[in-house]
N, C-alpha and C. Protein backbone atom coordinates (compact mmCIF):
# COMPACT_ATOMS: atom_id res chain seq x y z
N UNK A 1 -185.51 70.86 -11.79
CA UNK A 1 -184.89 70.18 -12.90
C UNK A 1 -183.61 69.51 -12.41
N UNK A 2 -183.36 68.34 -12.92
CA UNK A 2 -182.19 67.55 -12.53
C UNK A 2 -181.19 67.50 -13.69
N UNK A 3 -179.96 67.11 -13.37
CA UNK A 3 -178.91 66.95 -14.38
C UNK A 3 -179.34 65.92 -15.42
N UNK A 4 -180.04 64.88 -15.00
CA UNK A 4 -180.49 63.85 -15.95
C UNK A 4 -181.37 64.45 -17.04
N UNK A 5 -182.13 65.48 -16.73
CA UNK A 5 -182.97 66.15 -17.73
C UNK A 5 -182.10 66.84 -18.79
N UNK A 6 -181.01 67.43 -18.36
CA UNK A 6 -180.10 68.08 -19.31
C UNK A 6 -179.44 67.04 -20.20
N UNK A 7 -179.02 65.93 -19.60
CA UNK A 7 -178.35 64.88 -20.38
C UNK A 7 -179.28 64.29 -21.44
N UNK A 8 -180.57 64.17 -21.13
CA UNK A 8 -181.52 63.63 -22.11
C UNK A 8 -181.58 64.51 -23.35
N UNK A 9 -181.59 65.82 -23.15
CA UNK A 9 -181.67 66.76 -24.25
C UNK A 9 -180.34 66.87 -24.99
N UNK A 10 -179.27 66.82 -24.24
CA UNK A 10 -177.94 67.02 -24.80
C UNK A 10 -177.49 65.90 -25.73
N UNK A 11 -177.86 64.67 -25.40
CA UNK A 11 -177.42 63.54 -26.22
C UNK A 11 -176.30 62.78 -25.56
N UNK A 12 -175.84 61.74 -26.25
CA UNK A 12 -174.90 60.79 -25.65
C UNK A 12 -173.46 60.94 -26.11
N UNK A 13 -173.15 61.88 -26.97
CA UNK A 13 -171.78 61.99 -27.47
C UNK A 13 -170.85 62.42 -26.35
N UNK A 14 -169.79 61.66 -26.17
CA UNK A 14 -168.85 61.92 -25.09
C UNK A 14 -167.44 61.65 -25.60
N UNK A 15 -166.54 62.55 -25.35
CA UNK A 15 -165.15 62.41 -25.80
C UNK A 15 -164.26 62.18 -24.59
N UNK A 16 -163.51 61.10 -24.63
CA UNK A 16 -162.60 60.77 -23.54
C UNK A 16 -161.19 60.54 -24.10
N UNK A 17 -160.23 60.68 -23.22
CA UNK A 17 -158.83 60.41 -23.55
C UNK A 17 -158.20 59.70 -22.37
N UNK A 18 -157.00 59.17 -22.59
CA UNK A 18 -156.25 58.57 -21.49
C UNK A 18 -155.23 59.60 -21.00
N UNK A 19 -154.71 59.40 -19.80
CA UNK A 19 -153.73 60.36 -19.28
C UNK A 19 -152.45 60.42 -20.11
N UNK A 20 -152.15 59.36 -20.85
CA UNK A 20 -150.91 59.33 -21.62
C UNK A 20 -151.07 59.81 -23.06
N UNK A 21 -152.25 60.33 -23.40
CA UNK A 21 -152.48 60.92 -24.72
C UNK A 21 -151.65 62.20 -24.84
N UNK A 22 -150.96 62.37 -25.98
CA UNK A 22 -150.24 63.64 -26.16
C UNK A 22 -151.21 64.82 -26.13
N UNK A 23 -150.80 65.87 -25.49
CA UNK A 23 -151.64 67.07 -25.39
C UNK A 23 -151.97 67.63 -26.77
N UNK A 24 -151.03 67.51 -27.70
CA UNK A 24 -151.28 68.00 -29.06
C UNK A 24 -152.43 67.25 -29.72
N UNK A 25 -152.57 65.95 -29.46
CA UNK A 25 -153.70 65.17 -29.99
C UNK A 25 -155.02 65.65 -29.37
N UNK A 26 -154.98 65.94 -28.08
CA UNK A 26 -156.18 66.42 -27.39
C UNK A 26 -156.64 67.76 -27.96
N UNK A 27 -155.69 68.63 -28.24
CA UNK A 27 -156.01 69.95 -28.82
C UNK A 27 -156.69 69.75 -30.17
N UNK A 28 -156.17 68.86 -30.99
CA UNK A 28 -156.78 68.59 -32.30
C UNK A 28 -158.20 68.05 -32.15
N UNK A 29 -158.39 67.12 -31.24
CA UNK A 29 -159.72 66.54 -31.00
C UNK A 29 -160.71 67.62 -30.57
N UNK A 30 -160.28 68.46 -29.64
CA UNK A 30 -161.17 69.52 -29.15
C UNK A 30 -161.51 70.50 -30.26
N UNK A 31 -160.54 70.85 -31.09
CA UNK A 31 -160.78 71.79 -32.19
C UNK A 31 -161.69 71.16 -33.25
N UNK A 32 -161.43 69.90 -33.61
CA UNK A 32 -162.24 69.22 -34.64
C UNK A 32 -163.70 69.11 -34.25
N UNK A 33 -163.96 68.88 -32.97
CA UNK A 33 -165.32 68.64 -32.50
C UNK A 33 -165.94 69.85 -31.81
N UNK A 34 -165.21 70.97 -31.79
CA UNK A 34 -165.68 72.21 -31.18
C UNK A 34 -166.17 71.98 -29.75
N UNK A 35 -165.31 71.35 -28.96
CA UNK A 35 -165.64 71.07 -27.55
C UNK A 35 -164.59 71.73 -26.65
N UNK A 36 -165.00 72.02 -25.44
CA UNK A 36 -164.11 72.72 -24.51
C UNK A 36 -163.50 71.84 -23.45
N UNK A 37 -163.82 70.53 -23.48
CA UNK A 37 -163.27 69.66 -22.45
C UNK A 37 -163.18 68.22 -22.94
N UNK A 38 -162.30 67.49 -22.32
CA UNK A 38 -162.19 66.05 -22.53
C UNK A 38 -162.13 65.38 -21.16
N UNK A 39 -162.83 64.29 -21.03
CA UNK A 39 -162.79 63.52 -19.79
C UNK A 39 -161.60 62.57 -19.87
N UNK A 40 -160.80 62.53 -18.82
CA UNK A 40 -159.61 61.68 -18.81
C UNK A 40 -159.96 60.41 -18.03
N UNK A 41 -159.90 59.28 -18.74
CA UNK A 41 -160.27 57.99 -18.15
C UNK A 41 -159.06 57.05 -18.16
N UNK A 42 -158.94 56.25 -17.11
CA UNK A 42 -157.89 55.24 -17.04
C UNK A 42 -158.46 54.01 -16.36
N UNK A 43 -158.37 52.88 -17.06
CA UNK A 43 -158.90 51.61 -16.56
C UNK A 43 -160.37 51.71 -16.15
N UNK A 44 -161.14 52.47 -16.94
CA UNK A 44 -162.57 52.62 -16.71
C UNK A 44 -162.96 53.62 -15.64
N UNK A 45 -161.98 54.29 -15.04
CA UNK A 45 -162.27 55.27 -13.99
C UNK A 45 -161.94 56.68 -14.45
N UNK A 46 -162.71 57.63 -13.97
CA UNK A 46 -162.44 59.05 -14.20
C UNK A 46 -161.21 59.43 -13.37
N UNK A 47 -160.18 59.93 -14.05
CA UNK A 47 -158.97 60.34 -13.33
C UNK A 47 -158.65 61.81 -13.52
N UNK A 48 -159.42 62.49 -14.37
CA UNK A 48 -159.15 63.91 -14.55
C UNK A 48 -160.01 64.53 -15.64
N UNK A 49 -159.84 65.84 -15.79
CA UNK A 49 -160.51 66.62 -16.84
C UNK A 49 -159.46 67.49 -17.50
N UNK A 50 -159.60 67.61 -18.80
CA UNK A 50 -158.76 68.54 -19.55
C UNK A 50 -159.71 69.54 -20.18
N UNK A 51 -159.49 70.81 -19.87
CA UNK A 51 -160.31 71.86 -20.47
C UNK A 51 -159.38 72.86 -21.15
N UNK A 52 -160.01 73.78 -21.88
CA UNK A 52 -159.19 74.79 -22.56
C UNK A 52 -158.40 75.60 -21.56
N UNK A 53 -158.83 75.67 -20.31
CA UNK A 53 -158.09 76.43 -19.28
C UNK A 53 -156.70 75.83 -19.07
N UNK A 54 -156.64 74.50 -18.94
CA UNK A 54 -155.34 73.84 -18.74
C UNK A 54 -154.45 73.99 -19.98
N UNK A 55 -155.08 73.96 -21.14
CA UNK A 55 -154.31 74.12 -22.38
C UNK A 55 -153.74 75.52 -22.48
N UNK A 56 -154.54 76.52 -22.15
CA UNK A 56 -154.06 77.91 -22.21
C UNK A 56 -152.93 78.14 -21.22
N UNK A 57 -153.05 77.58 -20.03
CA UNK A 57 -151.97 77.72 -19.04
C UNK A 57 -150.68 77.06 -19.54
N UNK A 58 -150.82 75.91 -20.19
CA UNK A 58 -149.65 75.22 -20.75
C UNK A 58 -149.02 76.05 -21.86
N UNK A 59 -149.86 76.64 -22.71
CA UNK A 59 -149.34 77.49 -23.78
C UNK A 59 -148.58 78.68 -23.21
N UNK A 60 -149.11 79.26 -22.15
CA UNK A 60 -148.43 80.41 -21.52
C UNK A 60 -147.07 79.99 -20.96
N UNK A 61 -147.02 78.83 -20.32
CA UNK A 61 -145.77 78.34 -19.72
C UNK A 61 -144.72 77.98 -20.76
N UNK A 62 -145.17 77.61 -21.97
CA UNK A 62 -144.26 77.12 -23.01
C UNK A 62 -144.18 78.04 -24.22
N UNK A 63 -144.38 79.32 -24.01
CA UNK A 63 -144.27 80.31 -25.09
C UNK A 63 -145.10 79.94 -26.31
N UNK A 64 -146.34 79.52 -26.07
CA UNK A 64 -147.26 79.26 -27.18
C UNK A 64 -147.22 77.86 -27.76
N UNK A 65 -146.53 76.95 -27.12
CA UNK A 65 -146.42 75.58 -27.63
C UNK A 65 -146.86 74.59 -26.56
N UNK A 66 -147.51 73.50 -26.98
CA UNK A 66 -147.84 72.44 -26.02
C UNK A 66 -146.70 71.44 -25.93
N UNK A 67 -145.78 71.53 -26.87
CA UNK A 67 -144.59 70.67 -26.85
C UNK A 67 -144.95 69.20 -26.88
N UNK A 68 -144.18 68.43 -26.14
CA UNK A 68 -144.35 66.96 -26.10
C UNK A 68 -145.11 66.52 -24.86
N UNK A 69 -145.77 67.43 -24.21
CA UNK A 69 -146.47 67.10 -22.97
C UNK A 69 -147.58 66.09 -23.19
N UNK A 70 -147.85 65.33 -22.14
CA UNK A 70 -149.00 64.42 -22.15
C UNK A 70 -150.05 64.97 -21.21
N UNK A 71 -151.26 64.51 -21.38
CA UNK A 71 -152.39 65.05 -20.61
C UNK A 71 -152.18 64.90 -19.11
N UNK A 72 -151.61 63.79 -18.68
CA UNK A 72 -151.41 63.54 -17.25
C UNK A 72 -150.71 64.72 -16.56
N UNK A 73 -149.81 65.39 -17.27
CA UNK A 73 -149.01 66.46 -16.67
C UNK A 73 -149.72 67.80 -16.58
N UNK A 74 -150.87 67.92 -17.24
CA UNK A 74 -151.55 69.22 -17.26
C UNK A 74 -153.01 69.15 -16.81
N UNK A 75 -153.60 67.97 -16.74
CA UNK A 75 -155.04 67.82 -16.45
C UNK A 75 -155.37 68.21 -15.01
N UNK A 76 -156.63 68.50 -14.78
CA UNK A 76 -157.15 68.68 -13.43
C UNK A 76 -157.37 67.29 -12.88
N UNK A 77 -156.58 66.92 -11.89
CA UNK A 77 -156.62 65.56 -11.36
C UNK A 77 -157.76 65.32 -10.37
N UNK A 78 -158.41 66.37 -9.95
CA UNK A 78 -159.51 66.24 -8.99
C UNK A 78 -160.70 67.08 -9.44
N UNK A 79 -161.30 66.70 -10.57
CA UNK A 79 -162.41 67.52 -11.07
C UNK A 79 -163.65 67.41 -10.18
N UNK A 80 -164.35 68.49 -10.11
CA UNK A 80 -165.64 68.53 -9.43
C UNK A 80 -166.61 67.70 -10.26
N UNK A 81 -167.46 66.91 -9.63
CA UNK A 81 -168.42 66.08 -10.35
C UNK A 81 -169.82 66.27 -9.76
N UNK A 82 -170.80 65.76 -10.48
CA UNK A 82 -172.17 65.74 -9.98
C UNK A 82 -172.79 64.41 -10.39
N UNK A 83 -174.03 64.18 -9.98
CA UNK A 83 -174.75 62.95 -10.33
C UNK A 83 -175.94 63.31 -11.20
N UNK A 84 -176.55 62.32 -11.84
CA UNK A 84 -177.76 62.61 -12.62
C UNK A 84 -178.89 63.19 -11.77
N UNK A 85 -178.88 62.93 -10.48
CA UNK A 85 -179.94 63.40 -9.59
C UNK A 85 -179.67 64.78 -8.98
N UNK A 86 -178.50 65.35 -9.25
CA UNK A 86 -178.18 66.67 -8.72
C UNK A 86 -179.12 67.71 -9.33
N UNK A 87 -179.64 68.57 -8.49
CA UNK A 87 -180.53 69.63 -8.95
C UNK A 87 -179.73 70.68 -9.72
N UNK A 88 -180.32 71.21 -10.77
CA UNK A 88 -179.64 72.19 -11.63
C UNK A 88 -179.24 73.44 -10.84
N UNK A 89 -180.03 73.85 -9.88
CA UNK A 89 -179.65 75.03 -9.08
C UNK A 89 -178.39 74.74 -8.27
N UNK A 90 -178.23 73.51 -7.79
CA UNK A 90 -177.02 73.12 -7.07
C UNK A 90 -175.83 73.12 -8.03
N UNK A 91 -176.02 72.65 -9.25
CA UNK A 91 -174.96 72.65 -10.27
C UNK A 91 -174.53 74.09 -10.56
N UNK A 92 -175.49 74.98 -10.71
CA UNK A 92 -175.16 76.39 -10.95
C UNK A 92 -174.32 76.95 -9.82
N UNK A 93 -174.72 76.66 -8.59
CA UNK A 93 -173.97 77.14 -7.42
C UNK A 93 -172.55 76.57 -7.44
N UNK A 94 -172.44 75.26 -7.70
CA UNK A 94 -171.12 74.61 -7.72
C UNK A 94 -170.22 75.23 -8.79
N UNK A 95 -170.77 75.42 -9.98
CA UNK A 95 -169.97 75.96 -11.08
C UNK A 95 -169.50 77.37 -10.77
N UNK A 96 -170.38 78.19 -10.22
CA UNK A 96 -170.00 79.57 -9.90
C UNK A 96 -169.01 79.62 -8.73
N UNK A 97 -169.28 78.85 -7.70
CA UNK A 97 -168.44 78.87 -6.51
C UNK A 97 -167.02 78.36 -6.79
N UNK A 98 -166.91 77.33 -7.64
CA UNK A 98 -165.61 76.72 -7.91
C UNK A 98 -165.00 77.17 -9.24
N UNK A 99 -165.71 78.07 -9.93
CA UNK A 99 -165.22 78.63 -11.19
C UNK A 99 -164.88 77.54 -12.21
N UNK A 100 -165.84 76.62 -12.40
CA UNK A 100 -165.66 75.56 -13.40
C UNK A 100 -166.73 75.68 -14.47
N UNK A 101 -166.38 75.30 -15.67
CA UNK A 101 -167.31 75.38 -16.78
C UNK A 101 -167.81 74.02 -17.23
N UNK A 102 -167.17 72.94 -16.77
CA UNK A 102 -167.53 71.60 -17.19
C UNK A 102 -167.57 70.68 -15.98
N UNK A 103 -168.65 69.89 -15.90
CA UNK A 103 -168.80 68.94 -14.80
C UNK A 103 -169.06 67.54 -15.34
N UNK A 104 -168.19 66.60 -15.03
CA UNK A 104 -168.51 65.21 -15.36
C UNK A 104 -169.69 64.75 -14.50
N UNK A 105 -170.55 63.95 -15.11
CA UNK A 105 -171.72 63.42 -14.40
C UNK A 105 -171.45 61.94 -14.15
N UNK A 106 -171.41 61.57 -12.87
CA UNK A 106 -171.13 60.19 -12.50
C UNK A 106 -172.33 59.57 -11.79
N UNK A 107 -172.65 58.36 -12.18
CA UNK A 107 -173.64 57.56 -11.47
C UNK A 107 -172.84 56.44 -10.82
N UNK A 108 -172.59 56.58 -9.53
CA UNK A 108 -171.63 55.75 -8.82
C UNK A 108 -170.26 56.04 -9.45
N UNK A 109 -169.63 55.06 -10.11
CA UNK A 109 -168.34 55.31 -10.78
C UNK A 109 -168.49 55.34 -12.30
N UNK A 110 -169.75 55.24 -12.79
CA UNK A 110 -169.99 55.20 -14.23
C UNK A 110 -170.17 56.61 -14.77
N UNK A 111 -169.37 56.95 -15.79
CA UNK A 111 -169.46 58.25 -16.42
C UNK A 111 -170.70 58.30 -17.30
N UNK A 112 -171.61 59.23 -17.01
CA UNK A 112 -172.86 59.37 -17.74
C UNK A 112 -172.79 60.48 -18.80
N UNK A 113 -171.87 61.40 -18.63
CA UNK A 113 -171.75 62.51 -19.56
C UNK A 113 -171.01 63.66 -18.92
N UNK A 114 -170.99 64.77 -19.63
CA UNK A 114 -170.39 66.01 -19.13
C UNK A 114 -171.39 67.11 -19.42
N UNK A 115 -171.63 67.96 -18.44
CA UNK A 115 -172.47 69.13 -18.70
C UNK A 115 -171.61 70.37 -18.57
N UNK A 116 -171.91 71.33 -19.42
CA UNK A 116 -171.16 72.58 -19.44
C UNK A 116 -172.01 73.70 -18.85
N UNK A 117 -171.36 74.80 -18.57
CA UNK A 117 -172.06 75.98 -18.10
C UNK A 117 -173.10 76.39 -19.13
N UNK A 118 -172.75 76.25 -20.42
CA UNK A 118 -173.68 76.55 -21.51
C UNK A 118 -174.91 75.64 -21.44
N UNK A 119 -174.70 74.34 -21.23
CA UNK A 119 -175.82 73.40 -21.14
C UNK A 119 -176.78 73.79 -20.02
N UNK A 120 -176.21 74.16 -18.88
CA UNK A 120 -177.03 74.54 -17.73
C UNK A 120 -177.79 75.83 -18.02
N UNK A 121 -177.11 76.82 -18.58
CA UNK A 121 -177.76 78.09 -18.90
C UNK A 121 -178.89 77.88 -19.90
N UNK A 122 -178.64 77.08 -20.92
CA UNK A 122 -179.65 76.81 -21.94
C UNK A 122 -180.87 76.12 -21.33
N UNK A 123 -180.65 75.15 -20.46
CA UNK A 123 -181.75 74.42 -19.82
C UNK A 123 -182.58 75.35 -18.95
N UNK A 124 -181.91 76.23 -18.20
CA UNK A 124 -182.62 77.16 -17.32
C UNK A 124 -183.45 78.14 -18.15
N UNK A 125 -182.87 78.67 -19.22
CA UNK A 125 -183.60 79.61 -20.08
C UNK A 125 -184.82 78.92 -20.70
N UNK A 126 -184.65 77.69 -21.19
CA UNK A 126 -185.77 76.96 -21.79
C UNK A 126 -186.86 76.68 -20.77
N UNK A 127 -186.46 76.31 -19.55
CA UNK A 127 -187.45 76.05 -18.50
C UNK A 127 -188.21 77.33 -18.15
N UNK A 128 -187.50 78.44 -18.03
CA UNK A 128 -188.14 79.70 -17.71
C UNK A 128 -189.04 80.16 -18.84
N UNK A 129 -188.63 79.94 -20.07
CA UNK A 129 -189.43 80.31 -21.23
C UNK A 129 -190.73 79.50 -21.26
N UNK A 130 -190.63 78.22 -20.95
CA UNK A 130 -191.83 77.36 -20.90
C UNK A 130 -192.78 77.85 -19.81
N UNK A 131 -192.24 78.11 -18.62
CA UNK A 131 -193.08 78.60 -17.53
C UNK A 131 -193.73 79.93 -17.89
N UNK A 132 -192.98 80.79 -18.55
CA UNK A 132 -193.48 82.09 -18.97
C UNK A 132 -194.65 81.92 -19.94
N UNK A 133 -194.50 81.02 -20.92
CA UNK A 133 -195.58 80.77 -21.88
C UNK A 133 -196.82 80.22 -21.18
N UNK A 134 -196.62 79.33 -20.22
CA UNK A 134 -197.75 78.75 -19.49
C UNK A 134 -198.48 79.83 -18.68
N UNK A 135 -197.72 80.69 -18.03
CA UNK A 135 -198.33 81.77 -17.25
C UNK A 135 -199.10 82.74 -18.15
N UNK A 136 -198.52 83.07 -19.31
CA UNK A 136 -199.21 83.97 -20.24
C UNK A 136 -200.49 83.33 -20.77
N UNK A 137 -200.44 82.05 -21.05
CA UNK A 137 -201.64 81.35 -21.52
C UNK A 137 -202.70 81.34 -20.42
N UNK A 138 -202.27 81.14 -19.19
CA UNK A 138 -203.18 81.13 -18.06
C UNK A 138 -203.83 82.51 -17.90
N UNK A 139 -203.00 83.55 -18.00
CA UNK A 139 -203.51 84.92 -17.84
C UNK A 139 -204.47 85.27 -18.98
N UNK A 140 -204.16 84.87 -20.21
CA UNK A 140 -205.05 85.15 -21.34
C UNK A 140 -206.43 84.52 -21.13
N UNK A 141 -206.45 83.38 -20.49
CA UNK A 141 -207.72 82.67 -20.26
C UNK A 141 -208.43 83.14 -18.99
N UNK A 142 -207.83 84.07 -18.29
CA UNK A 142 -208.42 84.57 -17.04
C UNK A 142 -209.70 85.34 -17.39
N UNK A 143 -210.80 85.05 -16.74
CA UNK A 143 -212.06 85.75 -17.07
C UNK A 143 -212.00 87.21 -16.65
N UNK A 144 -212.64 88.06 -17.47
CA UNK A 144 -212.73 89.48 -17.15
C UNK A 144 -213.62 89.64 -15.92
N UNK A 145 -213.43 90.71 -15.18
CA UNK A 145 -214.25 90.97 -14.00
C UNK A 145 -215.69 91.21 -14.46
N UNK A 146 -216.58 90.55 -13.80
CA UNK A 146 -218.01 90.67 -14.15
C UNK A 146 -218.43 89.72 -15.24
N UNK A 147 -217.46 89.07 -15.90
CA UNK A 147 -217.79 88.10 -16.95
C UNK A 147 -218.23 86.80 -16.28
N UNK A 148 -219.32 86.22 -16.75
CA UNK A 148 -219.76 84.96 -16.13
C UNK A 148 -218.74 83.86 -16.37
N UNK A 149 -218.47 83.09 -15.32
CA UNK A 149 -217.55 81.98 -15.43
C UNK A 149 -218.29 80.71 -15.81
N UNK A 150 -217.67 79.95 -16.68
CA UNK A 150 -218.26 78.66 -17.07
C UNK A 150 -217.71 77.59 -16.16
N UNK A 151 -218.59 76.78 -15.67
CA UNK A 151 -218.16 75.67 -14.82
C UNK A 151 -218.07 74.42 -15.67
N UNK A 152 -217.04 73.69 -15.51
CA UNK A 152 -216.87 72.46 -16.28
C UNK A 152 -217.40 71.28 -15.53
């Protein structure tokens, strides 16, 4: 399974911000849409990622307030990315190895979407469930020993 397969199921909704967006606006957007990350774009290019991790670290540093900070000052400026052709097993390895929950998907320099650890886990479970159902159907149709087989 490829990342492009996950994106097809996930849909096209994508939330982006600029580096100069106030962090407080980003927090509101994330809360309103129940999302854990925002892609930071500037002049059409991916320049960073803002996730709840960066927000929590900012809150810790500022005694529970995001203050007047802008995203540029707290974002991950070098986010890990993947392509639509990246295999899901490679994405799982990357996410676990680098301890990231969100990966922007780039086709060349074009942002195609963001996949989360949840998206990957859901896709893997659905794929395994499908394979499991196919194997069970195959086994149910397996002829009993001594039962004559029909040739098609």
